[in-house]
PDB file of N, CA and C in Angstrom:
ATOM      1  N   UNK A   1     155.674 -16.838 179.097  1.00  0.00           N
ATOM      2  CA  UNK A   1     156.643 -15.931 178.524  1.00  0.00           C
ATOM      3  C   UNK A   1     156.980 -16.381 177.111  1.00  0.00           C
ATOM      4  N   UNK A   2     157.089 -15.397 176.225  1.00  0.00           N
ATOM      5  CA  UNK A   2     157.481 -15.701 174.859  1.00  0.00           C
ATOM      6  C   UNK A   2     159.000 -15.843 174.850  1.00  0.00           C
ATOM      7  N   UNK A   3     159.490 -17.026 174.447  1.00  0.00           N
ATOM      8  CA  UNK A   3     160.905 -17.354 174.630  1.00  0.00           C
ATOM      9  C   UNK A   3     161.795 -17.043 173.451  1.00  0.00           C
ATOM     10  N   UNK A   4     161.205 -16.836 172.263  1.00  0.00           N
ATOM     11  CA  UNK A   4     162.046 -16.517 171.102  1.00  0.00           C
ATOM     12  C   UNK A   4     161.282 -15.642 170.117  1.00  0.00           C
ATOM     13  N   UNK A   5     161.974 -15.197 169.097  1.00  0.00           N
ATOM     14  CA  UNK A   5     161.362 -14.334 168.112  1.00  0.00           C
ATOM     15  C   UNK A   5     161.425 -12.869 168.527  1.00  0.00           C
ATOM     16  N   UNK A   6     160.830 -12.013 167.727  1.00  0.00           N
ATOM     17  CA  UNK A   6     160.921 -10.587 167.997  1.00  0.00           C
ATOM     18  C   UNK A   6     160.143 -10.160 169.233  1.00  0.00           C
ATOM     19  N   UNK A   7     159.255 -10.971 169.733  1.00  0.00           N
ATOM     20  CA  UNK A   7     158.489 -10.657 170.950  1.00  0.00           C
ATOM     21  C   UNK A   7     159.092 -11.304 172.205  1.00  0.00           C
ATOM     22  N   UNK A   8     160.308 -11.833 172.073  1.00  0.00           N
ATOM     23  CA  UNK A   8     160.979 -12.525 173.183  1.00  0.00           C
ATOM     24  C   UNK A   8     160.962 -11.680 174.454  1.00  0.00           C
ATOM     25  N   UNK A   9     160.621 -12.318 175.550  1.00  0.00           N
ATOM     26  CA  UNK A   9     160.633 -11.658 176.841  1.00  0.00           C
ATOM     27  C   UNK A   9     159.279 -11.137 177.275  1.00  0.00           C
ATOM     28  N   UNK A  10     158.299 -11.080 176.349  1.00  0.00           N
ATOM     29  CA  UNK A  10     156.959 -10.634 176.704  1.00  0.00           C
ATOM     30  C   UNK A  10     156.318 -11.663 177.610  1.00  0.00           C
ATOM     31  N   UNK A  11     155.806 -11.215 178.737  1.00  0.00           N
ATOM     32  CA  UNK A  11     155.120 -12.097 179.663  1.00  0.00           C
ATOM     33  C   UNK A  11     153.639 -11.902 179.470  1.00  0.00           C
ATOM     34  N   UNK A  12     152.960 -12.968 179.134  1.00  0.00           N
ATOM     35  CA  UNK A  12     151.542 -12.925 178.869  1.00  0.00           C
ATOM     36  C   UNK A  12     150.814 -13.886 179.789  1.00  0.00           C
ATOM     37  N   UNK A  13     149.598 -13.553 180.109  1.00  0.00           N
ATOM     38  CA  UNK A  13     148.754 -14.420 180.900  1.00  0.00           C
ATOM     39  C   UNK A  13     148.299 -15.565 180.017  1.00  0.00           C
ATOM     40  N   UNK A  14     147.503 -16.438 180.528  1.00  0.00           N
ATOM     41  CA  UNK A  14     146.945 -17.537 179.746  1.00  0.00           C
ATOM     42  C   UNK A  14     146.141 -16.948 178.592  1.00  0.00           C
ATOM     43  N   UNK A  15     146.293 -17.490 177.407  1.00  0.00           N
ATOM     44  CA  UNK A  15     145.555 -17.060 176.239  1.00  0.00           C
ATOM     45  C   UNK A  15     144.340 -17.971 176.110  1.00  0.00           C
ATOM     46  N   UNK A  16     143.151 -17.390 176.321  1.00  0.00           N
ATOM     47  CA  UNK A  16     141.936 -18.169 176.214  1.00  0.00           C
ATOM     48  C   UNK A  16     141.640 -18.494 174.757  1.00  0.00           C
ATOM     49  N   UNK A  17     140.990 -19.615 174.506  1.00  0.00           N
ATOM     50  CA  UNK A  17     140.825 -20.048 173.139  1.00  0.00           C
ATOM     51  C   UNK A  17     139.986 -19.098 172.291  1.00  0.00           C
ATOM     52  N   UNK A  18     138.968 -18.438 172.891  1.00  0.00           N
ATOM     53  CA  UNK A  18     138.172 -17.491 172.109  1.00  0.00           C
ATOM     54  C   UNK A  18     139.025 -16.321 171.632  1.00  0.00           C
ATOM     55  N   UNK A  19     139.826 -15.795 172.560  1.00  0.00           N
ATOM     56  CA  UNK A  19     140.686 -14.659 172.230  1.00  0.00           C
ATOM     57  C   UNK A  19     141.753 -15.076 171.237  1.00  0.00           C
ATOM     58  N   UNK A  20     142.321 -16.258 171.410  1.00  0.00           N
ATOM     59  CA  UNK A  20     143.329 -16.734 170.463  1.00  0.00           C
ATOM     60  C   UNK A  20     142.728 -16.891 169.087  1.00  0.00           C
ATOM     61  N   UNK A  21     141.504 -17.365 169.004  1.00  0.00           N
ATOM     62  CA  UNK A  21     140.862 -17.538 167.689  1.00  0.00           C
ATOM     63  C   UNK A  21     140.587 -16.205 167.023  1.00  0.00           C
ATOM     64  N   UNK A  22     140.140 -15.221 167.793  1.00  0.00           N
ATOM     65  CA  UNK A  22     139.795 -13.928 167.197  1.00  0.00           C
ATOM     66  C   UNK A  22     141.036 -13.081 166.904  1.00  0.00           C
ATOM     67  N   UNK A  23     142.092 -13.222 167.689  1.00  0.00           N
ATOM     68  CA  UNK A  23     143.327 -12.484 167.413  1.00  0.00           C
ATOM     69  C   UNK A  23     144.258 -13.270 166.515  1.00  0.00           C
ATOM     70  N   UNK A  24     143.973 -14.540 166.307  1.00  0.00           N
ATOM     71  CA  UNK A  24     144.826 -15.405 165.506  1.00  0.00           C
ATOM     72  C   UNK A  24     144.221 -15.722 164.157  1.00  0.00           C
ATOM     73  N   UNK A  25     143.537 -16.848 164.062  1.00  0.00           N
ATOM     74  CA  UNK A  25     143.032 -17.290 162.774  1.00  0.00           C
ATOM     75  C   UNK A  25     142.003 -16.320 162.158  1.00  0.00           C
ATOM     76  N   UNK A  26     141.230 -15.634 162.982  1.00  0.00           N
ATOM     77  CA  UNK A  26     140.285 -14.643 162.478  1.00  0.00           C
ATOM     78  C   UNK A  26     140.994 -13.536 161.716  1.00  0.00           C
ATOM     79  N   UNK A  27     142.230 -13.216 162.118  1.00  0.00           N
ATOM     80  CA  UNK A  27     143.014 -12.166 161.457  1.00  0.00           C
ATOM     81  C   UNK A  27     144.034 -12.754 160.480  1.00  0.00           C
ATOM     82  N   UNK A  28     144.051 -14.065 160.366  1.00  0.00           N
ATOM     83  CA  UNK A  28     145.020 -14.708 159.476  1.00  0.00           C
ATOM     84  C   UNK A  28     146.415 -14.742 160.072  1.00  0.00           C
ATOM     85  N   UNK A  29     146.525 -14.570 161.376  1.00  0.00           N
ATOM     86  CA  UNK A  29     147.840 -14.574 162.059  1.00  0.00           C
ATOM     87  C   UNK A  29     148.028 -15.965 162.645  1.00  0.00           C
ATOM     88  N   UNK A  30     148.996 -16.674 162.153  1.00  0.00           N
ATOM     89  CA  UNK A  30     149.178 -18.082 162.507  1.00  0.00           C
ATOM     90  C   UNK A  30     150.338 -18.336 163.480  1.00  0.00           C
ATOM     91  N   UNK A  31     151.163 -17.332 163.716  1.00  0.00           N
ATOM     92  CA  UNK A  31     152.301 -17.459 164.639  1.00  0.00           C
ATOM     93  C   UNK A  31     151.793 -17.248 166.066  1.00  0.00           C
ATOM     94  N   UNK A  32     151.812 -18.289 166.866  1.00  0.00           N
ATOM     95  CA  UNK A  32     151.248 -18.220 168.212  1.00  0.00           C
ATOM     96  C   UNK A  32     151.951 -17.181 169.076  1.00  0.00           C
ATOM     97  N   UNK A  33     153.231 -16.921 168.799  1.00  0.00           N
ATOM     98  CA  UNK A  33     153.937 -15.868 169.551  1.00  0.00           C
ATOM     99  C   UNK A  33     153.330 -14.499 169.252  1.00  0.00           C
ATOM    100  N   UNK A  34     152.978 -14.260 168.024  1.00  0.00           N
ATOM    101  CA  UNK A  34     152.339 -12.989 167.646  1.00  0.00           C
ATOM    102  C   UNK A  34     150.954 -12.899 168.266  1.00  0.00           C
ATOM    103  N   UNK A  35     150.227 -13.997 168.253  1.00  0.00           N
ATOM    104  CA  UNK A  35     148.889 -14.019 168.867  1.00  0.00           C
ATOM    105  C   UNK A  35     149.001 -13.731 170.357  1.00  0.00           C
ATOM    106  N   UNK A  36     149.921 -14.397 171.030  1.00  0.00           N
ATOM    107  CA  UNK A  36     150.123 -14.173 172.472  1.00  0.00           C
ATOM    108  C   UNK A  36     150.496 -12.712 172.738  1.00  0.00           C
ATOM    109  N   UNK A  37     151.319 -12.133 171.883  1.00  0.00           N
ATOM    110  CA  UNK A  37     151.704 -10.723 172.066  1.00  0.00           C
ATOM    111  C   UNK A  37     150.497  -9.807 171.880  1.00  0.00           C
ATOM    112  N   UNK A  38     149.674 -10.042 170.864  1.00  0.00           N
ATOM    113  CA  UNK A  38     148.492  -9.217 170.646  1.00  0.00           C
ATOM    114  C   UNK A  38     147.520  -9.321 171.799  1.00  0.00           C
ATOM    115  N   UNK A  39     147.351 -10.520 172.366  1.00  0.00           N
ATOM    116  CA  UNK A  39     146.480 -10.703 173.524  1.00  0.00           C
ATOM    117  C   UNK A  39     147.065  -9.951 174.720  1.00  0.00           C
ATOM    118  N   UNK A  40     148.368 -10.080 174.929  1.00  0.00           N
ATOM    119  CA  UNK A  40     149.037  -9.300 175.991  1.00  0.00           C
ATOM    120  C   UNK A  40     148.791  -7.804 175.783  1.00  0.00           C
ATOM    121  N   UNK A  41     148.941  -7.329 174.565  1.00  0.00           N
ATOM    122  CA  UNK A  41     148.778  -5.916 174.267  1.00  0.00           C
ATOM    123  C   UNK A  41     147.360  -5.451 174.576  1.00  0.00           C
ATOM    124  N   UNK A  42     146.377  -6.282 174.213  1.00  0.00           N
ATOM    125  CA  UNK A  42     144.985  -5.948 174.558  1.00  0.00           C
ATOM    126  C   UNK A  42     144.832  -5.787 176.053  1.00  0.00           C
ATOM    127  N   UNK A  43     145.361  -6.725 176.825  1.00  0.00           N
ATOM    128  CA  UNK A  43     145.271  -6.645 178.285  1.00  0.00           C
ATOM    129  C   UNK A  43     145.950  -5.393 178.808  1.00  0.00           C
ATOM    130  N   UNK A  44     147.132  -5.090 178.274  1.00  0.00           N
ATOM    131  CA  UNK A  44     147.887  -3.917 178.745  1.00  0.00           C
ATOM    132  C   UNK A  44     147.200  -2.615 178.383  1.00  0.00           C
ATOM    133  N   UNK A  45     146.464  -2.605 177.274  1.00  0.00           N
ATOM    134  CA  UNK A  45     145.812  -1.372 176.829  1.00  0.00           C
ATOM    135  C   UNK A  45     144.365  -1.265 177.291  1.00  0.00           C
ATOM    136  N   UNK A  46     143.858  -2.290 177.960  1.00  0.00           N
ATOM    137  CA  UNK A  46     142.489  -2.257 178.443  1.00  0.00           C
ATOM    138  C   UNK A  46     141.445  -2.528 177.371  1.00  0.00           C
ATOM    139  N   UNK A  47     141.836  -3.316 176.380  1.00  0.00           N
ATOM    140  CA  UNK A  47     140.919  -3.652 175.281  1.00  0.00           C
ATOM    141  C   UNK A  47     140.517  -5.119 175.417  1.00  0.00           C
ATOM    142  N   UNK A  48     139.238  -5.368 175.276  1.00  0.00           N
ATOM    143  CA  UNK A  48     138.769  -6.754 175.277  1.00  0.00           C
ATOM    144  C   UNK A  48     139.312  -7.459 174.044  1.00  0.00           C
ATOM    145  N   UNK A  49     140.021  -8.551 174.217  1.00  0.00           N
ATOM    146  CA  UNK A  49     140.671  -9.234 173.099  1.00  0.00           C
ATOM    147  C   UNK A  49     139.697  -9.790 172.077  1.00  0.00           C
ATOM    148  N   UNK A  50     138.558 -10.283 172.535  1.00  0.00           N
ATOM    149  CA  UNK A  50     137.579 -10.811 171.581  1.00  0.00           C
ATOM    150  C   UNK A  50     136.974  -9.692 170.747  1.00  0.00           C
ATOM    151  N   UNK A  51     136.611  -8.593 171.400  1.00  0.00           N
ATOM    152  CA  UNK A  51     136.046  -7.461 170.680  1.00  0.00           C
ATOM    153  C   UNK A  51     137.082  -6.837 169.748  1.00  0.00           C
ATOM    154  N   UNK A  52     138.315  -6.694 170.231  1.00  0.00           N
ATOM    155  CA  UNK A  52     139.391  -6.154 169.406  1.00  0.00           C
ATOM    156  C   UNK A  52     139.644  -7.000 168.184  1.00  0.00           C
ATOM    157  N   UNK A  53     139.702  -8.317 168.353  1.00  0.00           N
ATOM    158  CA  UNK A  53     139.929  -9.222 167.239  1.00  0.00           C
ATOM    159  C   UNK A  53     138.794  -9.198 166.234  1.00  0.00           C
ATOM    160  N   UNK A  54     137.568  -9.094 166.748  1.00  0.00           N
ATOM    161  CA  UNK A  54     136.400  -9.022 165.836  1.00  0.00           C
ATOM    162  C   UNK A  54     136.409  -7.721 165.043  1.00  0.00           C
ATOM    163  N   UNK A  55     136.704  -6.640 165.722  1.00  0.00           N
ATOM    164  CA  UNK A  55     136.705  -5.318 165.061  1.00  0.00           C
ATOM    165  C   UNK A  55     137.797  -5.235 164.011  1.00  0.00           C
ATOM    166  N   UNK A  56     139.008  -5.676 164.364  1.00  0.00           N
ATOM    167  CA  UNK A  56     140.101  -5.632 163.397  1.00  0.00           C
ATOM    168  C   UNK A  56     139.831  -6.581 162.232  1.00  0.00           C
ATOM    169  N   UNK A  57     139.253  -7.741 162.518  1.00  0.00           N
ATOM    170  CA  UNK A  57     138.888  -8.684 161.448  1.00  0.00           C
ATOM    171  C   UNK A  57     137.879  -8.071 160.489  1.00  0.00           C
ATOM    172  N   UNK A  58     136.895  -7.345 161.016  1.00  0.00           N
ATOM    173  CA  UNK A  58     135.916  -6.667 160.145  1.00  0.00           C
ATOM    174  C   UNK A  58     136.614  -5.627 159.285  1.00  0.00           C
ATOM    175  N   UNK A  59     137.503  -4.837 159.895  1.00  0.00           N
ATOM    176  CA  UNK A  59     138.230  -3.820 159.137  1.00  0.00           C
ATOM    177  C   UNK A  59     139.092  -4.468 158.056  1.00  0.00           C
ATOM    178  N   UNK A  60     139.748  -5.594 158.371  1.00  0.00           N
ATOM    179  CA  UNK A  60     140.567  -6.308 157.373  1.00  0.00           C
ATOM    180  C   UNK A  60     139.699  -6.810 156.222  1.00  0.00           C
ATOM    181  N   UNK A  61     138.539  -7.332 156.531  1.00  0.00           N
ATOM    182  CA  UNK A  61     137.643  -7.786 155.487  1.00  0.00           C
ATOM    183  C   UNK A  61     137.195  -6.626 154.597  1.00  0.00           C
ATOM    184  N   UNK A  62     136.854  -5.500 155.192  1.00  0.00           N
ATOM    185  CA  UNK A  62     136.493  -4.300 154.421  1.00  0.00           C
ATOM    186  C   UNK A  62     137.645  -3.822 153.555  1.00  0.00           C
ATOM    187  N   UNK A  63     138.858  -3.920 154.076  1.00  0.00           N
ATOM    188  CA  UNK A  63     140.058  -3.543 153.304  1.00  0.00           C
ATOM    189  C   UNK A  63     140.243  -4.475 152.113  1.00  0.00           C
ATOM    190  N   UNK A  64     140.120  -5.762 152.370  1.00  0.00           N
ATOM    191  CA  UNK A  64     140.293  -6.751 151.297  1.00  0.00           C
ATOM    192  C   UNK A  64     139.232  -6.597 150.196  1.00  0.00           C
ATOM    193  N   UNK A  65     138.036  -6.187 150.594  1.00  0.00           N
ATOM    194  CA  UNK A  65     136.930  -6.027 149.642  1.00  0.00           C
ATOM    195  C   UNK A  65     136.947  -4.657 148.969  1.00  0.00           C
ATOM    196  N   UNK A  66     137.884  -3.789 149.346  1.00  0.00           N
ATOM    197  CA  UNK A  66     138.003  -2.475 148.727  1.00  0.00           C
ATOM    198  C   UNK A  66     137.099  -1.419 149.335  1.00  0.00           C
ATOM    199  N   UNK A  67     136.380  -1.740 150.386  1.00  0.00           N
ATOM    200  CA  UNK A  67     135.522  -0.779 151.037  1.00  0.00           C
ATOM    201  C   UNK A  67     136.353   0.263 151.767  1.00  0.00           C
ATOM    202  N   UNK A  68     137.428  -0.202 152.406  1.00  0.00           N
ATOM    203  CA  UNK A  68     138.406   0.681 153.051  1.00  0.00           C
ATOM    204  C   UNK A  68     139.649   0.732 152.185  1.00  0.00           C
ATOM    205  N   UNK A  69     140.210   1.894 152.044  1.00  0.00           N
ATOM    206  CA  UNK A  69     141.443   2.113 151.284  1.00  0.00           C
ATOM    207  C   UNK A  69     142.562   2.441 152.257  1.00  0.00           C
ATOM    208  N   UNK A  70     143.814   2.323 151.840  1.00  0.00           N
ATOM    209  CA  UNK A  70     144.931   2.672 152.745  1.00  0.00           C
ATOM    210  C   UNK A  70     144.800   4.065 153.338  1.00  0.00           C
ATOM    211  N   UNK A  71     144.330   5.028 152.546  1.00  0.00           N
ATOM    212  CA  UNK A  71     144.168   6.384 153.077  1.00  0.00           C
ATOM    213  C   UNK A  71     143.079   6.477 154.122  1.00  0.00           C
ATOM    214  N   UNK A  72     142.122   5.551 154.126  1.00  0.00           N
ATOM    215  CA  UNK A  72     141.095   5.494 155.167  1.00  0.00           C
ATOM    216  C   UNK A  72     141.653   4.939 156.477  1.00  0.00           C
ATOM    217  N   UNK A  73     142.777   4.237 156.364  1.00  0.00           N
ATOM    218  CA  UNK A  73     143.354   3.517 157.497  1.00  0.00           C
ATOM    219  C   UNK A  73     144.662   4.153 157.946  1.00  0.00           C
ATOM    220  N   UNK A  74     144.819   5.433 157.699  1.00  0.00           N
ATOM    221  CA  UNK A  74     146.047   6.142 158.089  1.00  0.00           C
ATOM    222  C   UNK A  74     147.290   5.481 157.509  1.00  0.00           C
ATOM    223  N   UNK A  75     147.134   4.920 156.283  1.00  0.00           N
ATOM    224  CA  UNK A  75     148.255   4.294 155.613  1.00  0.00           C
ATOM    225  C   UNK A  75     148.570   2.880 156.050  1.00  0.00           C
ATOM    226  N   UNK A  76     147.789   2.317 156.954  1.00  0.00           N
ATOM    227  CA  UNK A  76     148.032   0.970 157.468  1.00  0.00           C
ATOM    228  C   UNK A  76     147.559  -0.049 156.416  1.00  0.00           C
ATOM    229  N   UNK A  77     148.394  -1.029 156.123  1.00  0.00           N
ATOM    230  CA  UNK A  77     148.007  -2.145 155.243  1.00  0.00           C
ATOM    231  C   UNK A  77     147.205  -3.108 156.078  1.00  0.00           C
ATOM    232  N   UNK A  78     145.911  -3.130 155.885  1.00  0.00           N
ATOM    233  CA  UNK A  78     145.022  -3.947 156.700  1.00  0.00           C
ATOM    234  C   UNK A  78     144.788  -5.342 156.128  1.00  0.00           C
ATOM    235  N   UNK A  79     145.770  -5.882 155.460  1.00  0.00           N
ATOM    236  CA  UNK A  79     145.650  -7.226 154.907  1.00  0.00           C
ATOM    237  C   UNK A  79     145.653  -8.273 156.006  1.00  0.00           C
ATOM    238  N   UNK A  80     144.908  -9.343 155.765  1.00  0.00           N
ATOM    239  CA  UNK A  80     144.914 -10.448 156.706  1.00  0.00           C
ATOM    240  C   UNK A  80     146.333 -10.987 156.873  1.00  0.00           C
ATOM    241  N   UNK A  81     146.672 -11.377 158.074  1.00  0.00           N
ATOM    242  CA  UNK A  81     147.966 -12.000 158.358  1.00  0.00           C
ATOM    243  C   UNK A  81     149.030 -11.031 158.810  1.00  0.00           C
ATOM    244  N   UNK A  82     148.747  -9.747 158.810  1.00  0.00           N
ATOM    245  CA  UNK A  82     149.754  -8.735 159.178  1.00  0.00           C
ATOM    246  C   UNK A  82     149.624  -8.375 160.660  1.00  0.00           C
ATOM    247  N   UNK A  83     150.431  -9.008 161.504  1.00  0.00           N
ATOM    248  CA  UNK A  83     150.345  -8.774 162.948  1.00  0.00           C
ATOM    249  C   UNK A  83     150.812  -7.384 163.345  1.00  0.00           C
ATOM    250  N   UNK A  84     151.731  -6.807 162.581  1.00  0.00           N
ATOM    251  CA  UNK A  84     152.198  -5.459 162.892  1.00  0.00           C
ATOM    252  C   UNK A  84     151.088  -4.430 162.656  1.00  0.00           C
ATOM    253  N   UNK A  85     150.289  -4.651 161.643  1.00  0.00           N
ATOM    254  CA  UNK A  85     149.149  -3.751 161.415  1.00  0.00           C
ATOM    255  C   UNK A  85     148.117  -3.916 162.530  1.00  0.00           C
ATOM    256  N   UNK A  86     147.885  -5.129 162.957  1.00  0.00           N
ATOM    257  CA  UNK A  86     146.945  -5.367 164.049  1.00  0.00           C
ATOM    258  C   UNK A  86     147.455  -4.675 165.327  1.00  0.00           C
ATOM    259  N   UNK A  87     148.745  -4.758 165.566  1.00  0.00           N
ATOM    260  CA  UNK A  87     149.344  -4.081 166.738  1.00  0.00           C
ATOM    261  C   UNK A  87     149.124  -2.579 166.661  1.00  0.00           C
ATOM    262  N   UNK A  88     149.384  -2.024 165.488  1.00  0.00           N
ATOM    263  CA  UNK A  88     149.236  -0.561 165.330  1.00  0.00           C
ATOM    264  C   UNK A  88     147.791  -0.127 165.524  1.00  0.00           C
ATOM    265  N   UNK A  89     146.850  -0.910 164.989  1.00  0.00           N
ATOM    266  CA  UNK A  89     145.436  -0.583 165.152  1.00  0.00           C
ATOM    267  C   UNK A  89     145.021  -0.656 166.602  1.00  0.00           C
ATOM    268  N   UNK A  90     145.482  -1.664 167.326  1.00  0.00           N
ATOM    269  CA  UNK A  90     145.164  -1.758 168.760  1.00  0.00           C
ATOM    270  C   UNK A  90     145.665  -0.537 169.514  1.00  0.00           C
ATOM    271  N   UNK A  91     146.878  -0.109 169.209  1.00  0.00           N
ATOM    272  CA  UNK A  91     147.423   1.079 169.878  1.00  0.00           C
ATOM    273  C   UNK A  91     146.639   2.329 169.490  1.00  0.00           C
ATOM    274  N   UNK A  92     146.239   2.429 168.220  1.00  0.00           N
ATOM    275  CA  UNK A  92     145.426   3.565 167.789  1.00  0.00           C
ATOM    276  C   UNK A  92     144.079   3.590 168.486  1.00  0.00           C
ATOM    277  N   UNK A  93     143.464   2.410 168.621  1.00  0.00           N
ATOM    278  CA  UNK A  93     142.164   2.332 169.339  1.00  0.00           C
ATOM    279  C   UNK A  93     142.347   2.805 170.796  1.00  0.00           C
ATOM    280  N   UNK A  94     143.367   2.299 171.445  1.00  0.00           N
ATOM    281  CA  UNK A  94     143.596   2.648 172.844  1.00  0.00           C
ATOM    282  C   UNK A  94     143.884   4.141 173.025  1.00  0.00           C
ATOM    283  N   UNK A  95     144.543   4.734 172.025  1.00  0.00           N
ATOM    284  CA  UNK A  95     144.901   6.154 172.109  1.00  0.00           C
ATOM    285  C   UNK A  95     143.874   7.043 171.405  1.00  0.00           C
ATOM    286  N   UNK A  96     142.747   6.449 170.972  1.00  0.00           N
ATOM    287  CA  UNK A  96     141.668   7.180 170.315  1.00  0.00           C
ATOM    288  C   UNK A  96     142.183   7.991 169.141  1.00  0.00           C
ATOM    289  N   UNK A  97     143.031   7.344 168.338  1.00  0.00           N
ATOM    290  CA  UNK A  97     143.617   7.982 167.183  1.00  0.00           C
ATOM    291  C   UNK A  97     142.962   7.450 165.902  1.00  0.00           C
ATOM    292  N   UNK A  98     142.592   8.365 165.027  1.00  0.00           N
ATOM    293  CA  UNK A  98     142.039   7.973 163.724  1.00  0.00           C
ATOM    294  C   UNK A  98     140.590   7.516 163.783  1.00  0.00           C
TER     295      UNK A  98
END
């Protein structure tokens, strides 16, 4: 369970190191509470955490290199380190939006 911060109260299963790496450092997200929340969200939405982290990381790299623009991403700032953007993208993937 995440005990403090804005994700307080979220109950997550064990975070495997591959998933933590792809949802964490791969995306530039260093707060373990945010990583645990994103892994929980993947599980809740039926998304493989490793695939989700790889896909979002690729999109973030394309955004940083100027290949993707904010208008291509429904206005989402896909900069590395932004866990709220990663959360929104995971929800959009699960809801087949965009």
